[in-house]
Amino acid sequence: MAQIFTASADTRLRASLLVAAILIFLIVLFVGGYASSSYGTLVGWVQDQPVPFSHEHHVAGLGIDCRYCHTSVETSARAGLPATYICMSCHSQIWTGAGMLAPVRRSLAANVPLTWNRVSRLPDYVYFNHSIHVARGVACVICHGRVDRMPLMSRAQPFQMQWCLDCHRNPAPNLRPPDQVTRMDWSDWDANPEQHKDFGAQVVKAYGIEPRKLIQCNICHR
């Protein structure tokens, strides 16, 4: 009977399997590294906007509350992006001729909304409701970081599934008094954990928050 395989066939097969295994390992390593890198998560990256709005100036400098611009954050799934009339409630009186505010004035004159680019954007297949988080006392700074220190807005958290699940499994440490959710500086709270260690647990009990239900798929994927 004629020989079907050459003498080196086994060696070539083993070499091919080894190369395939190495390639798979490198791909997994690359994808994993990309997913956790700032390039993949966009953490710290500034998003271009039609107007270079400074949260540092408006929040820390002027003391404007988050809810003044994000008007639906307490009542809707979406926080809402500032409408032109909100900007013009101040800038019809101050900095009325500033060049950087020209897009705002054009928006008002043409009655065409400004197109803001969302910084903390989630995938379309993820459902997130701002109002329920605000009502339970998840402070803005938990997800959006110290926006009062951001001259230009950038993403503070990765907003990956694992990050969300970590909070849903143990929400108590991230809960604050609901009437203070827009407060930026919680350094005194963090510096004295013993004084506040029971607060989160009490809120979880008071609102009937059940972490085992919060990690069910249909909570975020509907």
Foldseek 3Di string as FASTA:
>chain_A
DDDDDDPCPVVVVVVVVVVVVVVVVVVVVVVVVLCPDCVNLVAPPFDDFLAQAALLCVCVVVVDFPCLQQVCLQPWQGSHGGWLVSVCVPCVPPPVPPPRCVVSVVCVVVVNTGDTDDAPDDDPQWGGGRNVCLVLAQAPCVFQNQSSPGSTGHGHDSPDPVVQLVCLLPVLVRGDPSVCRRDHDPPVCVVCVVVCVCVSVVSCVVVVRDSVVCPDPVNTGD
